[in-house]
Amino acid sequence: MVKIASAIAAVALIIVTGLAAGAARATSSTPPRAAPCTTSALGDAFTGALALRSIQAWGCVGDYAYAWATVGTEPNEIGVTEVLQVDPTTAQWVIAPRLTFCRPGVLPDFIYRRGCFSN
């Protein structure tokens, strides 16, 4: 009878240990999809007071992009250069603060050279 009780206790311990180990497993979620590098997707980031008229040049490297754009309406159109980054929670492009990002080594060189040295 003692052997049966010991066997049952051992099986119960194995089951409880297995359940506890299963509950402690790390779970993962699907990361957001990368934002597409298109004028449409980049243009969605232009939410300021002046409406986006067009994007003349753009480029992306990983989670960063630059856009040379025209905003406003005639006679008050103006050319702007923006640095953008992907918002990790929405996987959409947002305007990045140039004071924070336009420093050597922060951005990929391609974005840094095209997004940080004009208006």
PDB file of N, CA and C in Angstrom:
ATOM      1  N   MET A   1       0.819  -1.193   0.000  1.00  0.00           N
ATOM      2  CA  MET A   1       0.000   0.000   0.000  1.00  0.00           C
ATOM      3  C   MET A   1       0.871   1.269   0.000  1.00  0.00           C
ATOM      4  N   VAL A   2       1.999   1.237   0.715  1.00  0.00           N
ATOM      5  CA  VAL A   2       2.914   2.373   0.772  1.00  0.00           C
ATOM      6  C   VAL A   2       3.520   2.614  -0.601  1.00  0.00           C
ATOM      7  N   LYS A   3       3.827   1.524  -1.337  1.00  0.00           N
ATOM      8  CA  LYS A   3       4.397   1.686  -2.668  1.00  0.00           C
ATOM      9  C   LYS A   3       3.401   2.354  -3.611  1.00  0.00           C
ATOM     10  N   ILE A   4       2.129   2.010  -3.523  1.00  0.00           N
ATOM     11  CA  ILE A   4       1.100   2.607  -4.384  1.00  0.00           C
ATOM     12  C   ILE A   4       0.946   4.093  -4.056  1.00  0.00           C
ATOM     13  N   ALA A   5       0.929   4.423  -2.767  1.00  0.00           N
ATOM     14  CA  ALA A   5       0.800   5.819  -2.354  1.00  0.00           C
ATOM     15  C   ALA A   5       2.009   6.622  -2.825  1.00  0.00           C
ATOM     16  N   SER A   6       3.194   6.034  -2.733  1.00  0.00           N
ATOM     17  CA  SER A   6       4.411   6.717  -3.185  1.00  0.00           C
ATOM     18  C   SER A   6       4.369   6.928  -4.695  1.00  0.00           C
ATOM     19  N   ALA A   7       3.894   5.929  -5.419  1.00  0.00           N
ATOM     20  CA  ALA A   7       3.796   6.034  -6.873  1.00  0.00           C
ATOM     21  C   ALA A   7       2.800   7.119  -7.262  1.00  0.00           C
ATOM     22  N   ILE A   8       1.650   7.167  -6.582  1.00  0.00           N
ATOM     23  CA  ILE A   8       0.630   8.182  -6.871  1.00  0.00           C
ATOM     24  C   ILE A   8       1.194   9.574  -6.560  1.00  0.00           C
ATOM     25  N   ALA A   9       1.899   9.707  -5.449  1.00  0.00           N
ATOM     26  CA  ALA A   9       2.495  10.993  -5.076  1.00  0.00           C
ATOM     27  C   ALA A   9       3.527  11.420  -6.113  1.00  0.00           C
ATOM     28  N   ALA A  10       4.321  10.483  -6.608  1.00  0.00           N
ATOM     29  CA  ALA A  10       5.332  10.802  -7.607  1.00  0.00           C
ATOM     30  C   ALA A  10       4.674  11.261  -8.910  1.00  0.00           C
ATOM     31  N   VAL A  11       3.626  10.578  -9.345  1.00  0.00           N
ATOM     32  CA  VAL A  11       2.909  10.952 -10.560  1.00  0.00           C
ATOM     33  C   VAL A  11       2.275  12.329 -10.388  1.00  0.00           C
ATOM     34  N   ALA A  12       1.681  12.577  -9.220  1.00  0.00           N
ATOM     35  CA  ALA A  12       1.066  13.879  -8.961  1.00  0.00           C
ATOM     36  C   ALA A  12       2.112  14.984  -8.999  1.00  0.00           C
ATOM     37  N   LEU A  13       3.281  14.724  -8.433  1.00  0.00           N
ATOM     38  CA  LEU A  13       4.355  15.710  -8.430  1.00  0.00           C
ATOM     39  C   LEU A  13       4.813  16.018  -9.853  1.00  0.00           C
ATOM     40  N   ILE A  14       4.922  14.998 -10.680  1.00  0.00           N
ATOM     41  CA  ILE A  14       5.322  15.183 -12.078  1.00  0.00           C
ATOM     42  C   ILE A  14       4.276  16.016 -12.818  1.00  0.00           C
ATOM     43  N   ILE A  15       3.000  15.721 -12.575  1.00  0.00           N
ATOM     44  CA  ILE A  15       1.927  16.466 -13.246  1.00  0.00           C
ATOM     45  C   ILE A  15       1.936  17.927 -12.817  1.00  0.00           C
ATOM     46  N   VAL A  16       2.043  18.174 -11.506  1.00  0.00           N
ATOM     47  CA  VAL A  16       2.051  19.545 -10.999  1.00  0.00           C
ATOM     48  C   VAL A  16       3.264  20.311 -11.521  1.00  0.00           C
ATOM     49  N   THR A  17       4.419  19.665 -11.532  1.00  0.00           N
ATOM     50  CA  THR A  17       5.629  20.301 -12.035  1.00  0.00           C
ATOM     51  C   THR A  17       5.473  20.637 -13.515  1.00  0.00           C
ATOM     52  N   GLY A  18       4.907  19.729 -14.274  1.00  0.00           N
ATOM     53  CA  GLY A  18       4.683  19.973 -15.704  1.00  0.00           C
ATOM     54  C   GLY A  18       3.715  21.114 -15.933  1.00  0.00           C
ATOM     55  N   LEU A  19       2.654  21.207 -15.145  1.00  0.00           N
ATOM     56  CA  LEU A  19       1.692  22.299 -15.286  1.00  0.00           C
ATOM     57  C   LEU A  19       2.329  23.635 -14.926  1.00  0.00           C
ATOM     58  N   ALA A  20       3.112  23.643 -13.870  1.00  0.00           N
ATOM     59  CA  ALA A  20       3.778  24.871 -13.453  1.00  0.00           C
ATOM     60  C   ALA A  20       4.778  25.322 -14.519  1.00  0.00           C
ATOM     61  N   ALA A  21       5.502  24.399 -15.085  1.00  0.00           N
ATOM     62  CA  ALA A  21       6.470  24.748 -16.126  1.00  0.00           C
ATOM     63  C   ALA A  21       5.757  25.290 -17.355  1.00  0.00           C
ATOM     64  N   GLY A  22       4.630  24.709 -17.705  1.00  0.00           N
ATOM     65  CA  GLY A  22       3.859  25.179 -18.852  1.00  0.00           C
ATOM     66  C   GLY A  22       3.316  26.571 -18.622  1.00  0.00           C
ATOM     67  N   ALA A  23       2.888  26.862 -17.394  1.00  0.00           N
ATOM     68  CA  ALA A  23       2.356  28.183 -17.086  1.00  0.00           C
ATOM     69  C   ALA A  23       3.457  29.237 -17.092  1.00  0.00           C
ATOM     70  N   ALA A  24       4.679  28.853 -16.828  1.00  0.00           N
ATOM     71  CA  ALA A  24       5.785  29.807 -16.748  1.00  0.00           C
ATOM     72  C   ALA A  24       6.427  30.085 -18.099  1.00  0.00           C
ATOM     73  N   ARG A  25       6.014  29.409 -19.131  1.00  0.00           N
ATOM     74  CA  ARG A  25       6.597  29.629 -20.454  1.00  0.00           C
ATOM     75  C   ARG A  25       6.335  31.055 -20.920  1.00  0.00           C
ATOM     76  N   ALA A  26       7.308  31.602 -21.583  1.00  0.00           N
ATOM     77  CA  ALA A  26       7.157  32.943 -22.139  1.00  0.00           C
ATOM     78  C   ALA A  26       6.224  32.880 -23.336  1.00  0.00           C
ATOM     79  N   THR A  27       5.425  33.892 -23.463  1.00  0.00           N
ATOM     80  CA  THR A  27       4.565  33.985 -24.632  1.00  0.00           C
ATOM     81  C   THR A  27       5.098  35.107 -25.500  1.00  0.00           C
ATOM     82  N   SER A  28       4.774  35.043 -26.743  1.00  0.00           N
ATOM     83  CA  SER A  28       5.210  36.109 -27.636  1.00  0.00           C
ATOM     84  C   SER A  28       4.013  36.582 -28.431  1.00  0.00           C
ATOM     85  N   SER A  29       4.110  37.812 -28.854  1.00  0.00           N
ATOM     86  CA  SER A  29       3.071  38.339 -29.717  1.00  0.00           C
ATOM     87  C   SER A  29       3.707  38.614 -31.074  1.00  0.00           C
ATOM     88  N   THR A  30       2.875  38.732 -32.043  1.00  0.00           N
ATOM     89  CA  THR A  30       3.366  39.014 -33.381  1.00  0.00           C
ATOM     90  C   THR A  30       3.815  40.467 -33.441  1.00  0.00           C
ATOM     91  N   PRO A  31       5.054  40.716 -33.841  1.00  0.00           N
ATOM     92  CA  PRO A  31       5.492  42.107 -33.931  1.00  0.00           C
ATOM     93  C   PRO A  31       4.726  42.820 -35.034  1.00  0.00           C
ATOM     94  N   PRO A  32       4.589  44.152 -34.909  1.00  0.00           N
ATOM     95  CA  PRO A  32       3.885  44.871 -35.966  1.00  0.00           C
ATOM     96  C   PRO A  32       4.619  44.724 -37.292  1.00  0.00           C
ATOM     97  N   ARG A  33       3.864  44.732 -38.364  1.00  0.00           N
ATOM     98  CA  ARG A  33       4.480  44.655 -39.687  1.00  0.00           C
ATOM     99  C   ARG A  33       5.259  45.926 -39.957  1.00  0.00           C
ATOM    100  N   ALA A  34       6.256  45.812 -40.766  1.00  0.00           N
ATOM    101  CA  ALA A  34       7.042  46.983 -41.134  1.00  0.00           C
ATOM    102  C   ALA A  34       6.176  47.934 -41.948  1.00  0.00           C
ATOM    103  N   ALA A  35       6.385  49.221 -41.738  1.00  0.00           N
ATOM    104  CA  ALA A  35       5.651  50.218 -42.505  1.00  0.00           C
ATOM    105  C   ALA A  35       6.173  50.216 -43.936  1.00  0.00           C
ATOM    106  N   PRO A  36       5.293  50.282 -44.921  1.00  0.00           N
ATOM    107  CA  PRO A  36       5.763  50.304 -46.308  1.00  0.00           C
ATOM    108  C   PRO A  36       6.474  51.620 -46.616  1.00  0.00           C
ATOM    109  N   CYS A  37       7.470  51.554 -47.450  1.00  0.00           N
ATOM    110  CA  CYS A  37       8.233  52.733 -47.859  1.00  0.00           C
ATOM    111  C   CYS A  37       7.632  53.271 -49.158  1.00  0.00           C
ATOM    112  N   THR A  38       6.463  53.876 -49.025  1.00  0.00           N
ATOM    113  CA  THR A  38       5.763  54.444 -50.181  1.00  0.00           C
ATOM    114  C   THR A  38       5.401  55.900 -49.867  1.00  0.00           C
ATOM    115  N   THR A  39       5.168  56.687 -50.900  1.00  0.00           N
ATOM    116  CA  THR A  39       4.777  58.074 -50.659  1.00  0.00           C
ATOM    117  C   THR A  39       3.462  58.148 -49.893  1.00  0.00           C
ATOM    118  N   SER A  40       2.575  57.216 -50.135  1.00  0.00           N
ATOM    119  CA  SER A  40       1.304  57.207 -49.422  1.00  0.00           C
ATOM    120  C   SER A  40       1.503  56.969 -47.923  1.00  0.00           C
ATOM    121  N   ALA A  41       2.297  55.951 -47.594  1.00  0.00           N
ATOM    122  CA  ALA A  41       2.527  55.639 -46.175  1.00  0.00           C
ATOM    123  C   ALA A  41       3.311  56.752 -45.489  1.00  0.00           C
ATOM    124  N   LEU A  42       4.341  57.283 -46.145  1.00  0.00           N
ATOM    125  CA  LEU A  42       5.111  58.379 -45.565  1.00  0.00           C
ATOM    126  C   LEU A  42       4.261  59.641 -45.450  1.00  0.00           C
ATOM    127  N   GLY A  43       3.431  59.876 -46.445  1.00  0.00           N
ATOM    128  CA  GLY A  43       2.583  61.069 -46.449  1.00  0.00           C
ATOM    129  C   GLY A  43       1.595  61.111 -45.302  1.00  0.00           C
ATOM    130  N   ASP A  44       1.188  59.949 -44.813  1.00  0.00           N
ATOM    131  CA  ASP A  44       0.252  59.908 -43.686  1.00  0.00           C
ATOM    132  C   ASP A  44       0.844  60.540 -42.429  1.00  0.00           C
ATOM    133  N   ALA A  45       2.162  60.643 -42.355  1.00  0.00           N
ATOM    134  CA  ALA A  45       2.814  61.240 -41.188  1.00  0.00           C
ATOM    135  C   ALA A  45       2.713  62.763 -41.184  1.00  0.00           C
ATOM    136  N   PHE A  46       2.413  63.364 -42.317  1.00  0.00           N
ATOM    137  CA  PHE A  46       2.330  64.818 -42.414  1.00  0.00           C
ATOM    138  C   PHE A  46       0.948  65.270 -41.923  1.00  0.00           C
ATOM    139  N   THR A  47       0.867  65.564 -40.660  1.00  0.00           N
ATOM    140  CA  THR A  47      -0.422  65.904 -40.046  1.00  0.00           C
ATOM    141  C   THR A  47      -0.446  67.339 -39.531  1.00  0.00           C
ATOM    142  N   GLY A  48       0.523  68.150 -39.929  1.00  0.00           N
ATOM    143  CA  GLY A  48       0.614  69.527 -39.435  1.00  0.00           C
ATOM    144  C   GLY A  48      -0.440  70.439 -40.034  1.00  0.00           C
ATOM    145  N   ALA A  49      -0.300  71.717 -39.721  1.00  0.00           N
ATOM    146  CA  ALA A  49      -1.268  72.722 -40.164  1.00  0.00           C
ATOM    147  C   ALA A  49      -1.270  72.900 -41.679  1.00  0.00           C
ATOM    148  N   LEU A  50      -0.130  72.657 -42.322  1.00  0.00           N
ATOM    149  CA  LEU A  50      -0.042  72.811 -43.774  1.00  0.00           C
ATOM    150  C   LEU A  50      -0.235  71.450 -44.435  1.00  0.00           C
ATOM    151  N   ALA A  51      -1.174  71.397 -45.358  1.00  0.00           N
ATOM    152  CA  ALA A  51      -1.491  70.139 -46.036  1.00  0.00           C
ATOM    153  C   ALA A  51      -0.350  69.696 -46.943  1.00  0.00           C
ATOM    154  N   LEU A  52      -0.113  68.415 -46.988  1.00  0.00           N
ATOM    155  CA  LEU A  52       0.895  67.840 -47.883  1.00  0.00           C
ATOM    156  C   LEU A  52       0.422  67.964 -49.320  1.00  0.00           C
ATOM    157  N   ARG A  53       1.287  68.557 -50.175  1.00  0.00           N
ATOM    158  CA  ARG A  53       0.964  68.670 -51.599  1.00  0.00           C
ATOM    159  C   ARG A  53       1.586  67.538 -52.383  1.00  0.00           C
ATOM    160  N   SER A  54       2.879  67.253 -52.089  1.00  0.00           N
ATOM    161  CA  SER A  54       3.560  66.189 -52.827  1.00  0.00           C
ATOM    162  C   SER A  54       4.853  65.828 -52.116  1.00  0.00           C
ATOM    163  N   ILE A  55       5.344  64.648 -52.440  1.00  0.00           N
ATOM    164  CA  ILE A  55       6.657  64.210 -51.977  1.00  0.00           C
ATOM    165  C   ILE A  55       7.516  64.025 -53.218  1.00  0.00           C
ATOM    166  N   GLN A  56       8.625  64.777 -53.283  1.00  0.00           N
ATOM    167  CA  GLN A  56       9.480  64.736 -54.460  1.00  0.00           C
ATOM    168  C   GLN A  56      10.547  63.651 -54.379  1.00  0.00           C
ATOM    169  N   ALA A  57      11.057  63.391 -53.189  1.00  0.00           N
ATOM    170  CA  ALA A  57      12.099  62.371 -53.016  1.00  0.00           C
ATOM    171  C   ALA A  57      11.913  61.751 -51.638  1.00  0.00           C
ATOM    172  N   TRP A  58      12.263  60.477 -51.530  1.00  0.00           N
ATOM    173  CA  TRP A  58      12.140  59.786 -50.257  1.00  0.00           C
ATOM    174  C   TRP A  58      13.017  58.561 -50.275  1.00  0.00           C
ATOM    175  N   GLY A  59      13.267  58.050 -49.098  1.00  0.00           N
ATOM    176  CA  GLY A  59      14.031  56.827 -48.979  1.00  0.00           C
ATOM    177  C   GLY A  59      13.878  56.270 -47.575  1.00  0.00           C
ATOM    178  N   CYS A  60      14.051  54.980 -47.441  1.00  0.00           N
ATOM    179  CA  CYS A  60      13.878  54.308 -46.154  1.00  0.00           C
ATOM    180  C   CYS A  60      15.038  53.349 -45.910  1.00  0.00           C
ATOM    181  N   VAL A  61      15.415  53.237 -44.651  1.00  0.00           N
ATOM    182  CA  VAL A  61      16.372  52.237 -44.199  1.00  0.00           C
ATOM    183  C   VAL A  61      15.851  51.743 -42.865  1.00  0.00           C
ATOM    184  N   GLY A  62      15.406  50.497 -42.838  1.00  0.00           N
ATOM    185  CA  GLY A  62      14.872  49.949 -41.599  1.00  0.00           C
ATOM    186  C   GLY A  62      13.683  50.754 -41.104  1.00  0.00           C
ATOM    187  N   ASP A  63      13.774  51.238 -39.862  1.00  0.00           N
ATOM    188  CA  ASP A  63      12.680  51.983 -39.240  1.00  0.00           C
ATOM    189  C   ASP A  63      12.797  53.491 -39.420  1.00  0.00           C
ATOM    190  N   TYR A  64      13.644  53.944 -40.350  1.00  0.00           N
ATOM    191  CA  TYR A  64      13.854  55.376 -40.559  1.00  0.00           C
ATOM    192  C   TYR A  64      13.669  55.732 -42.030  1.00  0.00           C
ATOM    193  N   ALA A  65      13.258  56.983 -42.252  1.00  0.00           N
ATOM    194  CA  ALA A  65      13.051  57.454 -43.620  1.00  0.00           C
ATOM    195  C   ALA A  65      13.307  58.955 -43.674  1.00  0.00           C
ATOM    196  N   TYR A  66      13.472  59.460 -44.887  1.00  0.00           N
ATOM    197  CA  TYR A  66      13.482  60.903 -45.106  1.00  0.00           C
ATOM    198  C   TYR A  66      12.475  61.177 -46.205  1.00  0.00           C
ATOM    199  N   ALA A  67      11.959  62.410 -46.226  1.00  0.00           N
ATOM    200  CA  ALA A  67      11.052  62.828 -47.293  1.00  0.00           C
ATOM    201  C   ALA A  67      11.311  64.291 -47.608  1.00  0.00           C
ATOM    202  N   TRP A  68      11.498  64.572 -48.898  1.00  0.00           N
ATOM    203  CA  TRP A  68      11.546  65.945 -49.383  1.00  0.00           C
ATOM    204  C   TRP A  68      10.152  66.220 -49.929  1.00  0.00           C
ATOM    205  N   ALA A  69       9.455  67.140 -49.316  1.00  0.00           N
ATOM    206  CA  ALA A  69       8.043  67.331 -49.632  1.00  0.00           C
ATOM    207  C   ALA A  69       7.700  68.800 -49.827  1.00  0.00           C
ATOM    208  N   THR A  70       6.539  69.030 -50.421  1.00  0.00           N
ATOM    209  CA  THR A  70       5.958  70.357 -50.525  1.00  0.00           C
ATOM    210  C   THR A  70       4.673  70.358 -49.712  1.00  0.00           C
ATOM    211  N   VAL A  71       4.544  71.361 -48.844  1.00  0.00           N
ATOM    212  CA  VAL A  71       3.331  71.491 -48.031  1.00  0.00           C
ATOM    213  C   VAL A  71       2.752  72.878 -48.247  1.00  0.00           C
ATOM    214  N   GLY A  72       1.480  73.041 -47.927  1.00  0.00           N
ATOM    215  CA  GLY A  72       0.796  74.325 -48.052  1.00  0.00           C
ATOM    216  C   GLY A  72       0.128  74.483 -49.401  1.00  0.00           C
ATOM    217  N   THR A  73      -0.489  75.620 -49.586  1.00  0.00           N
ATOM    218  CA  THR A  73      -1.163  75.929 -50.847  1.00  0.00           C
ATOM    219  C   THR A  73      -0.612  77.236 -51.381  1.00  0.00           C
ATOM    220  N   GLU A  74      -0.669  77.383 -52.710  1.00  0.00           N
ATOM    221  CA  GLU A  74      -0.172  78.611 -53.325  1.00  0.00           C
ATOM    222  C   GLU A  74      -0.942  79.786 -52.752  1.00  0.00           C
ATOM    223  N   PRO A  75      -0.363  80.861 -52.505  1.00  0.00           N
ATOM    224  CA  PRO A  75       1.029  81.231 -52.749  1.00  0.00           C
ATOM    225  C   PRO A  75       1.944  80.892 -51.568  1.00  0.00           C
ATOM    226  N   ASN A  76       1.474  80.113 -50.638  1.00  0.00           N
ATOM    227  CA  ASN A  76       2.243  79.825 -49.419  1.00  0.00           C
ATOM    228  C   ASN A  76       2.819  78.419 -49.384  1.00  0.00           C
ATOM    229  N   GLU A  77       3.108  77.836 -50.537  1.00  0.00           N
ATOM    230  CA  GLU A  77       3.759  76.521 -50.569  1.00  0.00           C
ATOM    231  C   GLU A  77       5.188  76.646 -50.068  1.00  0.00           C
ATOM    232  N   ILE A  78       5.652  75.586 -49.442  1.00  0.00           N
ATOM    233  CA  ILE A  78       7.032  75.582 -48.966  1.00  0.00           C
ATOM    234  C   ILE A  78       7.586  74.168 -49.073  1.00  0.00           C
ATOM    235  N   GLY A  79       8.860  74.080 -49.434  1.00  0.00           N
ATOM    236  CA  GLY A  79       9.542  72.789 -49.474  1.00  0.00           C
ATOM    237  C   GLY A  79      10.079  72.464 -48.081  1.00  0.00           C
ATOM    238  N   VAL A  80       9.878  71.253 -47.645  1.00  0.00           N
ATOM    239  CA  VAL A  80      10.358  70.819 -46.331  1.00  0.00           C
ATOM    240  C   VAL A  80      11.098  69.491 -46.468  1.00  0.00           C
ATOM    241  N   THR A  81      11.987  69.272 -45.538  1.00  0.00           N
ATOM    242  CA  THR A  81      12.661  67.986 -45.430  1.00  0.00           C
ATOM    243  C   THR A  81      12.319  67.421 -44.071  1.00  0.00           C
ATOM    244  N   GLU A  82      11.845  66.197 -44.039  1.00  0.00           N
ATOM    245  CA  GLU A  82      11.469  65.573 -42.775  1.00  0.00           C
ATOM    246  C   GLU A  82      12.198  64.247 -42.604  1.00  0.00           C
ATOM    247  N   VAL A  83      12.528  63.947 -41.372  1.00  0.00           N
ATOM    248  CA  VAL A  83      13.037  62.633 -40.987  1.00  0.00           C
ATOM    249  C   VAL A  83      11.869  61.928 -40.313  1.00  0.00           C
ATOM    250  N   LEU A  84      11.669  60.683 -40.675  1.00  0.00           N
ATOM    251  CA  LEU A  84      10.550  59.922 -40.121  1.00  0.00           C
ATOM    252  C   LEU A  84      11.060  58.652 -39.472  1.00  0.00           C
ATOM    253  N   GLN A  85      10.275  58.133 -38.556  1.00  0.00           N
ATOM    254  CA  GLN A  85      10.579  56.854 -37.927  1.00  0.00           C
ATOM    255  C   GLN A  85       9.290  56.063 -37.814  1.00  0.00           C
ATOM    256  N   VAL A  86       9.426  54.742 -37.699  1.00  0.00           N
ATOM    257  CA  VAL A  86       8.257  53.883 -37.539  1.00  0.00           C
ATOM    258  C   VAL A  86       7.871  53.881 -36.070  1.00  0.00           C
ATOM    259  N   ASP A  87       6.606  54.154 -35.799  1.00  0.00           N
ATOM    260  CA  ASP A  87       6.075  54.029 -34.437  1.00  0.00           C
ATOM    261  C   ASP A  87       5.922  52.533 -34.163  1.00  0.00           C
ATOM    262  N   PRO A  88       6.631  51.982 -33.178  1.00  0.00           N
ATOM    263  CA  PRO A  88       6.595  50.531 -32.971  1.00  0.00           C
ATOM    264  C   PRO A  88       5.242  49.994 -32.524  1.00  0.00           C
ATOM    265  N   THR A  89       4.385  50.847 -31.985  1.00  0.00           N
ATOM    266  CA  THR A  89       3.076  50.355 -31.540  1.00  0.00           C
ATOM    267  C   THR A  89       2.058  50.302 -32.672  1.00  0.00           C
ATOM    268  N   THR A  90       2.227  51.167 -33.682  1.00  0.00           N
ATOM    269  CA  THR A  90       1.256  51.200 -34.778  1.00  0.00           C
ATOM    270  C   THR A  90       1.820  50.748 -36.111  1.00  0.00           C
ATOM    271  N   ALA A  91       3.157  50.633 -36.199  1.00  0.00           N
ATOM    272  CA  ALA A  91       3.842  50.287 -37.452  1.00  0.00           C
ATOM    273  C   ALA A  91       3.519  51.290 -38.550  1.00  0.00           C
ATOM    274  N   GLN A  92       3.357  52.561 -38.163  1.00  0.00           N
ATOM    275  CA  GLN A  92       3.125  53.632 -39.128  1.00  0.00           C
ATOM    276  C   GLN A  92       4.233  54.664 -38.980  1.00  0.00           C
ATOM    277  N   TRP A  93       4.469  55.387 -40.065  1.00  0.00           N
ATOM    278  CA  TRP A  93       5.491  56.422 -40.050  1.00  0.00           C
ATOM    279  C   TRP A  93       5.001  57.629 -39.264  1.00  0.00           C
ATOM    280  N   VAL A  94       5.913  58.231 -38.491  1.00  0.00           N
ATOM    281  CA  VAL A  94       5.657  59.474 -37.773  1.00  0.00           C
ATOM    282  C   VAL A  94       6.861  60.389 -37.988  1.00  0.00           C
ATOM    283  N   ILE A  95       6.622  61.692 -37.908  1.00  0.00           N
ATOM    284  CA  ILE A  95       7.711  62.650 -38.028  1.00  0.00           C
ATOM    285  C   ILE A  95       8.607  62.507 -36.795  1.00  0.00           C
ATOM    286  N   ALA A  96       9.902  62.380 -37.030  1.00  0.00           N
ATOM    287  CA  ALA A  96      10.868  62.242 -35.937  1.00  0.00           C
ATOM    288  C   ALA A  96      11.439  63.617 -35.605  1.00  0.00           C
ATOM    289  N   PRO A  97      11.662  63.894 -34.337  1.00  0.00           N
ATOM    290  CA  PRO A  97      12.258  65.183 -33.991  1.00  0.00           C
ATOM    291  C   PRO A  97      13.716  65.252 -34.446  1.00  0.00           C
ATOM    292  N   ARG A  98      13.990  66.159 -35.368  1.00  0.00           N
ATOM    293  CA  ARG A  98      15.343  66.254 -35.942  1.00  0.00           C
ATOM    294  C   ARG A  98      16.382  66.624 -34.890  1.00  0.00           C
ATOM    295  N   LEU A  99      15.999  67.389 -33.876  1.00  0.00           N
ATOM    296  CA  LEU A  99      16.963  67.735 -32.824  1.00  0.00           C
ATOM    297  C   LEU A  99      17.445  66.492 -32.087  1.00  0.00           C
ATOM    298  N   THR A 100      16.607  65.492 -32.014  1.00  0.00           N
ATOM    299  CA  THR A 100      16.968  64.244 -31.336  1.00  0.00           C
ATOM    300  C   THR A 100      17.725  63.298 -32.263  1.00  0.00           C
ATOM    301  N   PHE A 101      17.272  63.184 -33.498  1.00  0.00           N
ATOM    302  CA  PHE A 101      17.783  62.151 -34.390  1.00  0.00           C
ATOM    303  C   PHE A 101      18.912  62.597 -35.319  1.00  0.00           C
ATOM    304  N   CYS A 102      18.984  63.868 -35.640  1.00  0.00           N
ATOM    305  CA  CYS A 102      19.990  64.330 -36.608  1.00  0.00           C
ATOM    306  C   CYS A 102      21.332  64.592 -35.929  1.00  0.00           C
ATOM    307  N   ARG A 103      21.930  63.498 -35.500  1.00  0.00           N
ATOM    308  CA  ARG A 103      23.271  63.515 -34.909  1.00  0.00           C
ATOM    309  C   ARG A 103      24.025  62.326 -35.478  1.00  0.00           C
ATOM    310  N   PRO A 104      25.328  62.480 -35.656  1.00  0.00           N
ATOM    311  CA  PRO A 104      26.111  61.369 -36.217  1.00  0.00           C
ATOM    312  C   PRO A 104      25.932  60.088 -35.398  1.00  0.00           C
ATOM    313  N   GLY A 105      25.696  58.994 -36.115  1.00  0.00           N
ATOM    314  CA  GLY A 105      25.594  57.686 -35.478  1.00  0.00           C
ATOM    315  C   GLY A 105      24.213  57.309 -34.990  1.00  0.00           C
ATOM    316  N   VAL A 106      23.268  58.225 -35.032  1.00  0.00           N
ATOM    317  CA  VAL A 106      21.912  57.905 -34.559  1.00  0.00           C
ATOM    318  C   VAL A 106      21.087  57.282 -35.683  1.00  0.00           C
ATOM    319  N   LEU A 107      21.130  57.902 -36.837  1.00  0.00           N
ATOM    320  CA  LEU A 107      20.373  57.422 -38.000  1.00  0.00           C
ATOM    321  C   LEU A 107      21.283  56.636 -38.936  1.00  0.00           C
ATOM    322  N   PRO A 108      20.697  55.774 -39.772  1.00  0.00           N
ATOM    323  CA  PRO A 108      21.496  55.188 -40.849  1.00  0.00           C
ATOM    324  C   PRO A 108      22.061  56.328 -41.705  1.00  0.00           C
ATOM    325  N   ASP A 109      23.271  56.182 -42.189  1.00  0.00           N
ATOM    326  CA  ASP A 109      23.964  57.228 -42.928  1.00  0.00           C
ATOM    327  C   ASP A 109      23.144  57.749 -44.109  1.00  0.00           C
ATOM    328  N   PHE A 110      22.499  56.873 -44.841  1.00  0.00           N
ATOM    329  CA  PHE A 110      21.684  57.255 -45.997  1.00  0.00           C
ATOM    330  C   PHE A 110      20.596  58.254 -45.585  1.00  0.00           C
ATOM    331  N   ILE A 111      19.923  57.999 -44.485  1.00  0.00           N
ATOM    332  CA  ILE A 111      18.851  58.877 -43.991  1.00  0.00           C
ATOM    333  C   ILE A 111      19.452  60.152 -43.408  1.00  0.00           C
ATOM    334  N   TYR A 112      20.520  60.013 -42.658  1.00  0.00           N
ATOM    335  CA  TYR A 112      21.178  61.159 -42.029  1.00  0.00           C
ATOM    336  C   TYR A 112      21.599  62.185 -43.076  1.00  0.00           C
ATOM    337  N   ARG A 113      22.246  61.729 -44.137  1.00  0.00           N
ATOM    338  CA  ARG A 113      22.756  62.659 -45.152  1.00  0.00           C
ATOM    339  C   ARG A 113      21.628  63.316 -45.948  1.00  0.00           C
ATOM    340  N   ARG A 114      20.536  62.642 -46.173  1.00  0.00           N
ATOM    341  CA  ARG A 114      19.460  63.199 -46.987  1.00  0.00           C
ATOM    342  C   ARG A 114      18.389  63.919 -46.169  1.00  0.00           C
ATOM    343  N   GLY A 115      18.266  63.557 -44.898  1.00  0.00           N
ATOM    344  CA  GLY A 115      17.202  64.135 -44.088  1.00  0.00           C
ATOM    345  C   GLY A 115      17.612  65.223 -43.125  1.00  0.00           C
ATOM    346  N   CYS A 116      18.908  65.365 -42.893  1.00  0.00           N
ATOM    347  CA  CYS A 116      19.348  66.268 -41.826  1.00  0.00           C
ATOM    348  C   CYS A 116      20.099  67.503 -42.285  1.00  0.00           C
ATOM    349  N   PHE A 117      20.337  67.671 -43.591  1.00  0.00           N
ATOM    350  CA  PHE A 117      21.171  68.775 -44.030  1.00  0.00           C
ATOM    351  C   PHE A 117      20.465  69.732 -44.977  1.00  0.00           C
ATOM    352  N   SER A 118      19.176  69.896 -44.816  1.00  0.00           N
ATOM    353  CA  SER A 118      18.458  70.902 -45.578  1.00  0.00           C
ATOM    354  C   SER A 118      17.350  71.443 -44.689  1.00  0.00           C
ATOM    355  N   ASN A 119      16.562  72.317 -45.248  1.00  0.00           N
ATOM    356  CA  ASN A 119      15.555  73.026 -44.460  1.00  0.00           C
ATOM    357  C   ASN A 119      14.850  72.061 -43.550  1.00  0.00           C
TER     358      ASN A 119
END
